[in-house]
Amino acid sequence: MTNAEKVAVLTEALPFMKQFFGKTVVIKYGGNAMINAALKQKVIEDIILMKFTGMKPVIVHGGGPEITAMLKQIGKQSEFVSGLRVTDTETMEIAEMVLVGKLNTEIVSLLNRNGVKAVGLNGKDANLTIAKKHLATVYEGTQVKEVDIGYVGDVIKINPEIISALLAQDYIPVIAPTGVGENGESFNINADYVAGEIAAALGAEKLLLLTDVEGIYRDYKDQSSFISTLTFAEATGMIAKGSIEGGMVPKVEACVRALAGGAGKTHIIDGRLPHSLLLEVFTNEGIGTEVVKTKGER
């Protein structure tokens, strides 16, 4: 890269540094970028750069593959209903151990070792994430049933005071996607939903969801149907019509919830691409699919 090209890169980023200085950005960290060591380091570097340019990152992480691997180690087979893990008492204990005790601690340690202050949180800390039991929807012929799949939760309320206090003291909060019920019981919650609810509660400038695909397609089998920008109304319509399926549903629903709750913009981006966070935040073109309230936003 020539000196002129280096200057062009920095000049392109400058307006976005100004625009997002002092603003809260919620990052849902998951997928291959959480498993691949090289990609993991790139994500950490991106978050640190965002922090040192004046942004206020908040990280919500997943951990499904790691939970599955740990269950396999103890000889317990993972069972899923409607894409959700059946979570009995033992599985919930393993999930908490992996999410809170292992992954959360690892991310916090990586950030701290690279020169920023990070603090780990889970749903029980200061009653951050209040949850209730989620009943899975199952279709049997023409009948629709709701099935109890254990300690899988829906977010009732986010109490963001602890996050705001940490941000005010220059820390990066790193949040595991667990919740606490009315009787103190633990719930495992989809990390996309937790990230969306936290972005809404904080009125975040951006919600960035890292995934293992380029973004949203009108037809996932047709690469030419990629959607770079989707409005709130279009997103809700596609969900209602079943045009968005599988693991993309919670991501788009998280975007919709964040926007409805007051977040500025939301983005679904390919975490397999090195430095995808920087490319989305600090370049004119961006990458992935942005879900916005109305067309023409940046």
C-alpha atoms as a PDB file:
ATOM      1  CA  MET A   1       0.000   0.000   0.000  1.00  0.00           C
ATOM      2  CA  THR A   2       1.372   3.408  -0.994  1.00  0.00           C
ATOM      3  CA  ASN A   3       1.474   6.390   1.362  1.00  0.00           C
ATOM      4  CA  ALA A   4      -1.330   7.994  -0.639  1.00  0.00           C
ATOM      5  CA  GLU A   5      -3.491   4.885  -0.194  1.00  0.00           C
ATOM      6  CA  LYS A   6      -2.778   4.830   3.543  1.00  0.00           C
ATOM      7  CA  VAL A   7      -3.809   8.476   3.825  1.00  0.00           C
ATOM      8  CA  ALA A   8      -6.989   7.764   1.840  1.00  0.00           C
ATOM      9  CA  VAL A   9      -7.949   5.000   4.278  1.00  0.00           C
ATOM     10  CA  LEU A  10      -7.452   7.259   7.299  1.00  0.00           C
ATOM     11  CA  THR A  11      -9.280  10.150   5.637  1.00  0.00           C
ATOM     12  CA  GLU A  12     -12.257   7.935   4.817  1.00  0.00           C
ATOM     13  CA  ALA A  13     -12.465   6.802   8.449  1.00  0.00           C
ATOM     14  CA  LEU A  14     -12.255  10.305   9.960  1.00  0.00           C
ATOM     15  CA  PRO A  15     -15.925  11.369   9.500  1.00  0.00           C
ATOM     16  CA  PHE A  16     -17.098   8.144  11.142  1.00  0.00           C
ATOM     17  CA  MET A  17     -14.697   8.617  14.054  1.00  0.00           C
ATOM     18  CA  LYS A  18     -16.271  12.026  14.598  1.00  0.00           C
ATOM     19  CA  GLN A  19     -19.817  10.728  14.159  1.00  0.00           C
ATOM     20  CA  PHE A  20     -19.469   7.849  16.600  1.00  0.00           C
ATOM     21  CA  PHE A  21     -17.190   9.464  19.194  1.00  0.00           C
ATOM     22  CA  GLY A  22     -18.714   8.889  22.641  1.00  0.00           C
ATOM     23  CA  LYS A  23     -21.486   6.672  21.235  1.00  0.00           C
ATOM     24  CA  THR A  24     -22.439   3.233  22.553  1.00  0.00           C
ATOM     25  CA  VAL A  25     -22.095   0.297  20.163  1.00  0.00           C
ATOM     26  CA  VAL A  26     -23.388  -3.174  21.064  1.00  0.00           C
ATOM     27  CA  ILE A  27     -21.499  -6.064  19.439  1.00  0.00           C
ATOM     28  CA  LYS A  28     -22.919  -9.572  19.363  1.00  0.00           C
ATOM     29  CA  TYR A  29     -19.845 -11.776  19.177  1.00  0.00           C
ATOM     30  CA  GLY A  30     -20.332 -15.340  17.987  1.00  0.00           C
ATOM     31  CA  GLY A  31     -19.958 -17.793  15.142  1.00  0.00           C
ATOM     32  CA  ASN A  32     -16.645 -18.766  13.550  1.00  0.00           C
ATOM     33  CA  ALA A  33     -15.037 -15.510  14.713  1.00  0.00           C
ATOM     34  CA  MET A  34     -15.300 -16.868  18.233  1.00  0.00           C
ATOM     35  CA  ILE A  35     -13.780 -20.269  17.436  1.00  0.00           C
ATOM     36  CA  ASN A  36     -11.018 -19.475  14.948  1.00  0.00           C
ATOM     37  CA  ALA A  37      -7.996 -18.146  16.868  1.00  0.00           C
ATOM     38  CA  ALA A  38      -6.815 -15.794  14.096  1.00  0.00           C
ATOM     39  CA  LEU A  39     -10.291 -14.298  13.604  1.00  0.00           C
ATOM     40  CA  LYS A  40     -10.735 -13.984  17.355  1.00  0.00           C
ATOM     41  CA  GLN A  41      -7.614 -11.813  17.571  1.00  0.00           C
ATOM     42  CA  LYS A  42      -8.870  -9.620  14.699  1.00  0.00           C
ATOM     43  CA  VAL A  43     -12.195  -9.067  16.477  1.00  0.00           C
ATOM     44  CA  ILE A  44     -10.416  -8.108  19.686  1.00  0.00           C
ATOM     45  CA  GLU A  45      -8.190  -5.685  17.744  1.00  0.00           C
ATOM     46  CA  ASP A  46     -11.249  -4.121  16.086  1.00  0.00           C
ATOM     47  CA  ILE A  47     -12.990  -3.608  19.420  1.00  0.00           C
ATOM     48  CA  ILE A  48      -9.868  -2.085  20.950  1.00  0.00           C
ATOM     49  CA  LEU A  49      -9.470   0.325  18.022  1.00  0.00           C
ATOM     50  CA  MET A  50     -13.128   1.307  18.359  1.00  0.00           C
ATOM     51  CA  LYS A  51     -12.527   1.948  22.042  1.00  0.00           C
ATOM     52  CA  PHE A  52      -9.425   4.086  21.473  1.00  0.00           C
ATOM     53  CA  THR A  53     -11.216   6.180  18.833  1.00  0.00           C
ATOM     54  CA  GLY A  54     -13.774   7.195  21.444  1.00  0.00           C
ATOM     55  CA  MET A  55     -16.572   4.677  20.980  1.00  0.00           C
ATOM     56  CA  LYS A  56     -18.131   2.752  23.874  1.00  0.00           C
ATOM     57  CA  PRO A  57     -18.275  -0.941  22.945  1.00  0.00           C
ATOM     58  CA  VAL A  58     -20.537  -3.388  24.779  1.00  0.00           C
ATOM     59  CA  ILE A  59     -20.001  -7.070  23.944  1.00  0.00           C
ATOM     60  CA  VAL A  60     -22.633  -9.813  24.166  1.00  0.00           C
ATOM     61  CA  HIS A  61     -21.214 -13.246  23.308  1.00  0.00           C
ATOM     62  CA  GLY A  62     -22.663 -16.594  22.341  1.00  0.00           C
ATOM     63  CA  GLY A  63     -21.256 -20.070  22.933  1.00  0.00           C
ATOM     64  CA  GLY A  64     -23.550 -22.757  21.516  1.00  0.00           C
ATOM     65  CA  PRO A  65     -20.829 -24.901  19.860  1.00  0.00           C
ATOM     66  CA  GLU A  66     -18.725 -24.822  23.023  1.00  0.00           C
ATOM     67  CA  ILE A  67     -21.715 -25.928  25.125  1.00  0.00           C
ATOM     68  CA  THR A  68     -22.376 -28.795  22.707  1.00  0.00           C
ATOM     69  CA  ALA A  69     -18.706 -29.856  22.894  1.00  0.00           C
ATOM     70  CA  MET A  70     -18.678 -29.808  26.698  1.00  0.00           C
ATOM     71  CA  LEU A  71     -21.902 -31.837  26.884  1.00  0.00           C
ATOM     72  CA  LYS A  72     -20.365 -34.371  24.506  1.00  0.00           C
ATOM     73  CA  GLN A  73     -17.332 -34.671  26.775  1.00  0.00           C
ATOM     74  CA  ILE A  74     -19.519 -35.752  29.678  1.00  0.00           C
ATOM     75  CA  GLY A  75     -21.479 -38.140  27.452  1.00  0.00           C
ATOM     76  CA  LYS A  76     -24.636 -36.050  27.175  1.00  0.00           C
ATOM     77  CA  GLN A  77     -26.288 -35.793  23.777  1.00  0.00           C
ATOM     78  CA  SER A  78     -27.608 -32.362  22.767  1.00  0.00           C
ATOM     79  CA  GLU A  79     -31.273 -32.314  21.792  1.00  0.00           C
ATOM     80  CA  PHE A  80     -32.937 -29.472  19.906  1.00  0.00           C
ATOM     81  CA  VAL A  81     -36.589 -28.532  19.409  1.00  0.00           C
ATOM     82  CA  SER A  82     -37.430 -25.826  16.854  1.00  0.00           C
ATOM     83  CA  GLY A  83     -33.733 -24.939  16.750  1.00  0.00           C
ATOM     84  CA  LEU A  84     -33.499 -24.472  20.538  1.00  0.00           C
ATOM     85  CA  ARG A  85     -31.451 -26.616  22.899  1.00  0.00           C
ATOM     86  CA  VAL A  86     -33.468 -28.683  25.348  1.00  0.00           C
ATOM     87  CA  THR A  87     -32.014 -27.497  28.649  1.00  0.00           C
ATOM     88  CA  ASP A  88     -32.544 -29.610  31.752  1.00  0.00           C
ATOM     89  CA  THR A  89     -30.920 -28.786  35.094  1.00  0.00           C
ATOM     90  CA  GLU A  90     -27.618 -30.484  34.245  1.00  0.00           C
ATOM     91  CA  THR A  91     -27.453 -28.846  30.803  1.00  0.00           C
ATOM     92  CA  MET A  92     -28.127 -25.426  32.337  1.00  0.00           C
ATOM     93  CA  GLU A  93     -25.290 -25.946  34.802  1.00  0.00           C
ATOM     94  CA  ILE A  94     -22.947 -26.853  31.936  1.00  0.00           C
ATOM     95  CA  ALA A  95     -24.170 -23.871  29.887  1.00  0.00           C
ATOM     96  CA  GLU A  96     -23.457 -21.477  32.770  1.00  0.00           C
ATOM     97  CA  MET A  97     -20.066 -23.030  33.328  1.00  0.00           C
ATOM     98  CA  VAL A  98     -19.126 -22.617  29.646  1.00  0.00           C
ATOM     99  CA  LEU A  99     -20.700 -19.204  29.043  1.00  0.00           C
ATOM    100  CA  VAL A 100     -19.868 -17.481  32.328  1.00  0.00           C
ATOM    101  CA  GLY A 101     -16.925 -19.421  33.716  1.00  0.00           C
ATOM    102  CA  LYS A 102     -14.993 -20.100  30.508  1.00  0.00           C
ATOM    103  CA  LEU A 103     -15.896 -17.975  27.474  1.00  0.00           C
ATOM    104  CA  ASN A 104     -16.744 -14.746  29.284  1.00  0.00           C
ATOM    105  CA  THR A 105     -13.518 -14.943  31.274  1.00  0.00           C
ATOM    106  CA  GLU A 106     -11.468 -15.656  28.138  1.00  0.00           C
ATOM    107  CA  ILE A 107     -12.836 -12.624  26.271  1.00  0.00           C
ATOM    108  CA  VAL A 108     -12.307 -10.350  29.279  1.00  0.00           C
ATOM    109  CA  SER A 109      -8.734 -11.623  29.634  1.00  0.00           C
ATOM    110  CA  LEU A 110      -7.974 -11.058  25.932  1.00  0.00           C
ATOM    111  CA  LEU A 111      -9.196  -7.471  26.119  1.00  0.00           C
ATOM    112  CA  ASN A 112      -7.334  -6.742  29.333  1.00  0.00           C
ATOM    113  CA  ARG A 113      -4.092  -8.185  27.930  1.00  0.00           C
ATOM    114  CA  ASN A 114      -4.412  -5.923  24.901  1.00  0.00           C
ATOM    115  CA  GLY A 115      -4.554  -2.679  26.836  1.00  0.00           C
ATOM    116  CA  VAL A 116      -8.191  -1.950  27.694  1.00  0.00           C
ATOM    117  CA  LYS A 117     -10.256  -2.481  30.839  1.00  0.00           C
ATOM    118  CA  ALA A 118     -12.977  -5.093  30.521  1.00  0.00           C
ATOM    119  CA  VAL A 119     -15.419  -6.566  33.056  1.00  0.00           C
ATOM    120  CA  GLY A 120     -17.479  -9.727  32.672  1.00  0.00           C
ATOM    121  CA  LEU A 121     -21.200  -9.797  33.448  1.00  0.00           C
ATOM    122  CA  ASN A 122     -24.018 -12.323  33.309  1.00  0.00           C
ATOM    123  CA  GLY A 123     -27.770 -11.986  33.668  1.00  0.00           C
ATOM    124  CA  LYS A 124     -27.698 -12.394  37.444  1.00  0.00           C
ATOM    125  CA  ASP A 125     -25.281  -9.514  38.035  1.00  0.00           C
ATOM    126  CA  ALA A 126     -27.368  -6.619  39.401  1.00  0.00           C
ATOM    127  CA  ASN A 127     -30.413  -8.417  37.902  1.00  0.00           C
ATOM    128  CA  LEU A 128     -29.145  -7.375  34.487  1.00  0.00           C
ATOM    129  CA  THR A 129     -31.326  -9.752  32.444  1.00  0.00           C
ATOM    130  CA  ILE A 130     -34.716 -10.698  33.869  1.00  0.00           C
ATOM    131  CA  ALA A 131     -36.147 -13.706  32.044  1.00  0.00           C
ATOM    132  CA  LYS A 132     -39.050 -16.118  31.898  1.00  0.00           C
ATOM    133  CA  LYS A 133     -39.401 -19.639  30.521  1.00  0.00           C
ATOM    134  CA  HIS A 134     -39.654 -19.885  26.745  1.00  0.00           C
ATOM    135  CA  LEU A 135     -42.089 -22.416  25.289  1.00  0.00           C
ATOM    136  CA  ALA A 136     -40.989 -23.798  21.916  1.00  0.00           C
ATOM    137  CA  THR A 137     -43.507 -23.822  19.086  1.00  0.00           C
ATOM    138  CA  VAL A 138     -43.894 -27.226  17.418  1.00  0.00           C
ATOM    139  CA  TYR A 139     -45.970 -27.987  14.337  1.00  0.00           C
ATOM    140  CA  GLU A 140     -47.580 -31.420  14.170  1.00  0.00           C
ATOM    141  CA  GLY A 141     -49.580 -31.616  10.965  1.00  0.00           C
ATOM    142  CA  THR A 142     -52.205 -28.892  11.216  1.00  0.00           C
ATOM    143  CA  GLN A 143     -51.745 -28.512  14.961  1.00  0.00           C
ATOM    144  CA  VAL A 144     -49.504 -26.003  16.695  1.00  0.00           C
ATOM    145  CA  LYS A 145     -48.220 -26.918  20.142  1.00  0.00           C
ATOM    146  CA  GLU A 146     -46.120 -25.186  22.769  1.00  0.00           C
ATOM    147  CA  VAL A 147     -43.500 -27.427  24.334  1.00  0.00           C
ATOM    148  CA  ASP A 148     -41.592 -26.936  27.585  1.00  0.00           C
ATOM    149  CA  ILE A 149     -37.884 -27.404  26.764  1.00  0.00           C
ATOM    150  CA  GLY A 150     -36.503 -26.561  30.184  1.00  0.00           C
ATOM    151  CA  TYR A 151     -34.379 -23.611  31.218  1.00  0.00           C
ATOM    152  CA  VAL A 152     -34.540 -21.715  27.935  1.00  0.00           C
ATOM    153  CA  GLY A 153     -35.565 -18.116  28.494  1.00  0.00           C
ATOM    154  CA  ASP A 154     -37.125 -15.054  26.944  1.00  0.00           C
ATOM    155  CA  VAL A 155     -36.004 -11.608  28.053  1.00  0.00           C
ATOM    156  CA  ILE A 156     -38.615  -9.781  30.114  1.00  0.00           C
ATOM    157  CA  LYS A 157     -36.508  -6.779  31.051  1.00  0.00           C
ATOM    158  CA  ILE A 158     -32.975  -5.436  30.875  1.00  0.00           C
ATOM    159  CA  ASN A 159     -31.733  -3.396  33.846  1.00  0.00           C
ATOM    160  CA  PRO A 160     -28.902  -1.473  32.145  1.00  0.00           C
ATOM    161  CA  GLU A 161     -27.664   0.560  35.130  1.00  0.00           C
ATOM    162  CA  ILE A 162     -24.642  -1.696  35.735  1.00  0.00           C
ATOM    163  CA  ILE A 163     -23.651  -1.432  32.054  1.00  0.00           C
ATOM    164  CA  SER A 164     -23.978   2.363  32.088  1.00  0.00           C
ATOM    165  CA  ALA A 165     -21.922   2.581  35.280  1.00  0.00           C
ATOM    166  CA  LEU A 166     -19.118   0.519  33.749  1.00  0.00           C
ATOM    167  CA  LEU A 167     -19.138   2.551  30.527  1.00  0.00           C
ATOM    168  CA  ALA A 168     -18.915   5.749  32.563  1.00  0.00           C
ATOM    169  CA  GLN A 169     -15.790   4.368  34.252  1.00  0.00           C
ATOM    170  CA  ASP A 170     -14.174   3.527  30.886  1.00  0.00           C
ATOM    171  CA  TYR A 171     -14.704  -0.247  31.058  1.00  0.00           C
ATOM    172  CA  ILE A 172     -15.873  -2.547  28.253  1.00  0.00           C
ATOM    173  CA  PRO A 173     -18.741  -4.721  29.558  1.00  0.00           C
ATOM    174  CA  VAL A 174     -18.626  -8.319  28.300  1.00  0.00           C
ATOM    175  CA  ILE A 175     -21.993 -10.014  28.803  1.00  0.00           C
ATOM    176  CA  ALA A 176     -22.905 -13.716  28.834  1.00  0.00           C
ATOM    177  CA  PRO A 177     -26.423 -14.483  27.494  1.00  0.00           C
ATOM    178  CA  THR A 178     -27.950 -15.893  30.654  1.00  0.00           C
ATOM    179  CA  GLY A 179     -30.968 -14.596  32.528  1.00  0.00           C
ATOM    180  CA  VAL A 180     -32.464 -14.846  35.992  1.00  0.00           C
ATOM    181  CA  GLY A 181     -36.063 -15.840  36.720  1.00  0.00           C
ATOM    182  CA  GLU A 182     -38.404 -14.601  39.426  1.00  0.00           C
ATOM    183  CA  ASN A 183     -37.338 -17.415  41.752  1.00  0.00           C
ATOM    184  CA  GLY A 184     -33.615 -16.943  41.105  1.00  0.00           C
ATOM    185  CA  GLU A 185     -33.385 -19.753  38.552  1.00  0.00           C
ATOM    186  CA  SER A 186     -30.992 -19.461  35.616  1.00  0.00           C
ATOM    187  CA  PHE A 187     -32.068 -19.357  31.963  1.00  0.00           C
ATOM    188  CA  ASN A 188     -30.071 -19.856  28.793  1.00  0.00           C
ATOM    189  CA  ILE A 189     -31.087 -17.195  26.245  1.00  0.00           C
ATOM    190  CA  ASN A 190     -30.258 -16.766  22.564  1.00  0.00           C
ATOM    191  CA  ALA A 191     -27.391 -14.247  22.466  1.00  0.00           C
ATOM    192  CA  ASP A 192     -28.871 -12.378  19.484  1.00  0.00           C
ATOM    193  CA  TYR A 193     -32.000 -11.588  21.490  1.00  0.00           C
ATOM    194  CA  VAL A 194     -29.983 -10.487  24.512  1.00  0.00           C
ATOM    195  CA  ALA A 195     -27.871  -8.199  22.318  1.00  0.00           C
ATOM    196  CA  GLY A 196     -30.970  -6.686  20.711  1.00  0.00           C
ATOM    197  CA  GLU A 197     -32.622  -6.038  24.052  1.00  0.00           C
ATOM    198  CA  ILE A 198     -29.455  -4.499  25.502  1.00  0.00           C
ATOM    199  CA  ALA A 199     -29.047  -2.252  22.437  1.00  0.00           C
ATOM    200  CA  ALA A 200     -32.640  -1.102  22.926  1.00  0.00           C
ATOM    201  CA  ALA A 201     -32.231  -0.522  26.666  1.00  0.00           C
ATOM    202  CA  LEU A 202     -29.070   1.529  26.142  1.00  0.00           C
ATOM    203  CA  GLY A 203     -30.384   3.441  23.122  1.00  0.00           C
ATOM    204  CA  ALA A 204     -27.200   2.314  21.369  1.00  0.00           C
ATOM    205  CA  GLU A 205     -25.982   4.082  18.252  1.00  0.00           C
ATOM    206  CA  LYS A 206     -25.372   0.720  16.588  1.00  0.00           C
ATOM    207  CA  LEU A 207     -26.013  -2.988  17.038  1.00  0.00           C
ATOM    208  CA  LEU A 208     -23.476  -5.146  15.171  1.00  0.00           C
ATOM    209  CA  LEU A 209     -24.247  -8.867  14.867  1.00  0.00           C
ATOM    210  CA  LEU A 210     -21.362 -11.106  13.766  1.00  0.00           C
ATOM    211  CA  THR A 211     -22.472 -14.221  11.913  1.00  0.00           C
ATOM    212  CA  ASP A 212     -21.127 -16.845   9.495  1.00  0.00           C
ATOM    213  CA  VAL A 213     -22.830 -15.617   6.317  1.00  0.00           C
ATOM    214  CA  GLU A 214     -22.458 -12.490   4.195  1.00  0.00           C
ATOM    215  CA  GLY A 215     -25.807 -11.097   5.335  1.00  0.00           C
ATOM    216  CA  ILE A 216     -29.467 -11.449   4.340  1.00  0.00           C
ATOM    217  CA  TYR A 217     -30.688 -12.838   1.012  1.00  0.00           C
ATOM    218  CA  ARG A 218     -34.197 -12.627  -0.404  1.00  0.00           C
ATOM    219  CA  ASP A 219     -33.540 -16.215  -1.471  1.00  0.00           C
ATOM    220  CA  TYR A 220     -30.618 -17.796   0.372  1.00  0.00           C
ATOM    221  CA  LYS A 221     -30.062 -20.165  -2.595  1.00  0.00           C
ATOM    222  CA  ASP A 222     -29.568 -17.206  -4.953  1.00  0.00           C
ATOM    223  CA  GLN A 223     -26.341 -15.259  -4.330  1.00  0.00           C
ATOM    224  CA  SER A 224     -27.583 -12.400  -6.520  1.00  0.00           C
ATOM    225  CA  SER A 225     -30.484 -11.749  -4.117  1.00  0.00           C
ATOM    226  CA  PHE A 226     -28.217 -10.310  -1.413  1.00  0.00           C
ATOM    227  CA  ILE A 227     -29.787  -7.353   0.454  1.00  0.00           C
ATOM    228  CA  SER A 228     -27.443  -4.555   1.538  1.00  0.00           C
ATOM    229  CA  THR A 229     -30.116  -2.411   3.235  1.00  0.00           C
ATOM    230  CA  LEU A 230     -33.398  -3.503   4.775  1.00  0.00           C
ATOM    231  CA  THR A 231     -35.913  -1.229   6.463  1.00  0.00           C
ATOM    232  CA  PHE A 232     -37.686  -1.991   9.717  1.00  0.00           C
ATOM    233  CA  ALA A 233     -40.968  -2.518   7.821  1.00  0.00           C
ATOM    234  CA  GLU A 234     -39.357  -4.776   5.201  1.00  0.00           C
ATOM    235  CA  ALA A 235     -37.652  -6.866   7.883  1.00  0.00           C
ATOM    236  CA  THR A 236     -40.846  -7.452   9.870  1.00  0.00           C
ATOM    237  CA  GLY A 237     -42.682  -8.291   6.634  1.00  0.00           C
ATOM    238  CA  MET A 238     -40.091 -10.858   5.577  1.00  0.00           C
ATOM    239  CA  ILE A 239     -40.241 -12.540   8.990  1.00  0.00           C
ATOM    240  CA  ALA A 240     -44.054 -12.672   8.856  1.00  0.00           C
ATOM    241  CA  LYS A 241     -43.991 -14.219   5.347  1.00  0.00           C
ATOM    242  CA  GLY A 242     -41.346 -16.763   6.291  1.00  0.00           C
ATOM    243  CA  SER A 243     -38.818 -15.307   3.835  1.00  0.00           C
ATOM    244  CA  ILE A 244     -36.223 -15.313   6.615  1.00  0.00           C
ATOM    245  CA  GLU A 245     -35.580 -18.728   8.106  1.00  0.00           C
ATOM    246  CA  GLY A 246     -33.420 -20.677  10.519  1.00  0.00           C
ATOM    247  CA  GLY A 247     -30.650 -18.991  12.452  1.00  0.00           C
ATOM    248  CA  MET A 248     -31.175 -15.693  10.651  1.00  0.00           C
ATOM    249  CA  VAL A 249     -34.601 -15.221  12.292  1.00  0.00           C
ATOM    250  CA  PRO A 250     -33.302 -14.324  15.789  1.00  0.00           C
ATOM    251  CA  LYS A 251     -30.721 -11.984  14.246  1.00  0.00           C
ATOM    252  CA  VAL A 252     -33.306 -10.045  12.245  1.00  0.00           C
ATOM    253  CA  GLU A 253     -35.736 -10.076  15.181  1.00  0.00           C
ATOM    254  CA  ALA A 254     -32.933  -8.714  17.384  1.00  0.00           C
ATOM    255  CA  CYS A 255     -32.416  -5.883  14.880  1.00  0.00           C
ATOM    256  CA  VAL A 256     -36.135  -5.117  14.838  1.00  0.00           C
ATOM    257  CA  ARG A 257     -36.313  -5.094  18.655  1.00  0.00           C
ATOM    258  CA  ALA A 258     -33.257  -2.860  18.947  1.00  0.00           C
ATOM    259  CA  LEU A 259     -34.645  -0.338  16.440  1.00  0.00           C
ATOM    260  CA  ALA A 260     -38.090  -0.377  18.072  1.00  0.00           C
ATOM    261  CA  GLY A 261     -36.477   0.298  21.454  1.00  0.00           C
ATOM    262  CA  GLY A 262     -34.462   3.293  20.288  1.00  0.00           C
ATOM    263  CA  ALA A 263     -31.199   2.004  18.817  1.00  0.00           C
ATOM    264  CA  GLY A 264     -29.896   3.992  15.849  1.00  0.00           C
ATOM    265  CA  LYS A 265     -28.907   1.370  13.281  1.00  0.00           C
ATOM    266  CA  THR A 266     -28.324  -2.375  13.164  1.00  0.00           C
ATOM    267  CA  HIS A 267     -25.982  -4.484  11.049  1.00  0.00           C
ATOM    268  CA  ILE A 268     -25.658  -8.195  10.296  1.00  0.00           C
ATOM    269  CA  ILE A 269     -22.094  -8.790   9.108  1.00  0.00           C
ATOM    270  CA  ASP A 270     -19.835 -11.670   8.144  1.00  0.00           C
ATOM    271  CA  GLY A 271     -17.546 -12.392  11.067  1.00  0.00           C
ATOM    272  CA  ARG A 272     -15.471 -14.745   8.901  1.00  0.00           C
ATOM    273  CA  LEU A 273     -14.016 -11.682   7.157  1.00  0.00           C
ATOM    274  CA  PRO A 274     -10.989 -10.316   9.074  1.00  0.00           C
ATOM    275  CA  HIS A 275     -11.612  -6.870  10.581  1.00  0.00           C
ATOM    276  CA  SER A 276     -15.277  -6.949   9.543  1.00  0.00           C
ATOM    277  CA  LEU A 277     -16.224  -4.613  12.401  1.00  0.00           C
ATOM    278  CA  LEU A 278     -13.854  -1.902  11.188  1.00  0.00           C
ATOM    279  CA  LEU A 279     -15.004  -2.318   7.589  1.00  0.00           C
ATOM    280  CA  GLU A 280     -18.618  -1.843   8.656  1.00  0.00           C
ATOM    281  CA  VAL A 281     -18.117   1.094  10.999  1.00  0.00           C
ATOM    282  CA  PHE A 282     -15.326   3.103   9.395  1.00  0.00           C
ATOM    283  CA  THR A 283     -15.865   2.826   5.615  1.00  0.00           C
ATOM    284  CA  ASN A 284     -18.343   4.440   3.232  1.00  0.00           C
ATOM    285  CA  GLU A 285     -19.538   1.181   1.698  1.00  0.00           C
ATOM    286  CA  GLY A 286     -19.674  -0.972   4.805  1.00  0.00           C
ATOM    287  CA  ILE A 287     -20.330  -4.710   4.495  1.00  0.00           C
ATOM    288  CA  GLY A 288     -23.162  -7.112   5.240  1.00  0.00           C
ATOM    289  CA  THR A 289     -26.811  -6.134   5.633  1.00  0.00           C
ATOM    290  CA  GLU A 290     -27.905  -3.073   7.556  1.00  0.00           C
ATOM    291  CA  VAL A 291     -31.401  -2.982   9.039  1.00  0.00           C
ATOM    292  CA  VAL A 292     -32.555   0.615   9.485  1.00  0.00           C
ATOM    293  CA  LYS A 293     -35.706   2.490  10.428  1.00  0.00           C
ATOM    294  CA  THR A 294     -35.970   4.217   7.041  1.00  0.00           C
ATOM    295  CA  LYS A 295     -34.003   4.259   3.787  1.00  0.00           C
ATOM    296  CA  GLY A 296     -31.104   6.654   3.365  1.00  0.00           C
ATOM    297  CA  GLU A 297     -29.619   6.423   6.878  1.00  0.00           C
ATOM    298  CA  ARG A 298     -25.913   6.091   7.652  1.00  0.00           C
END
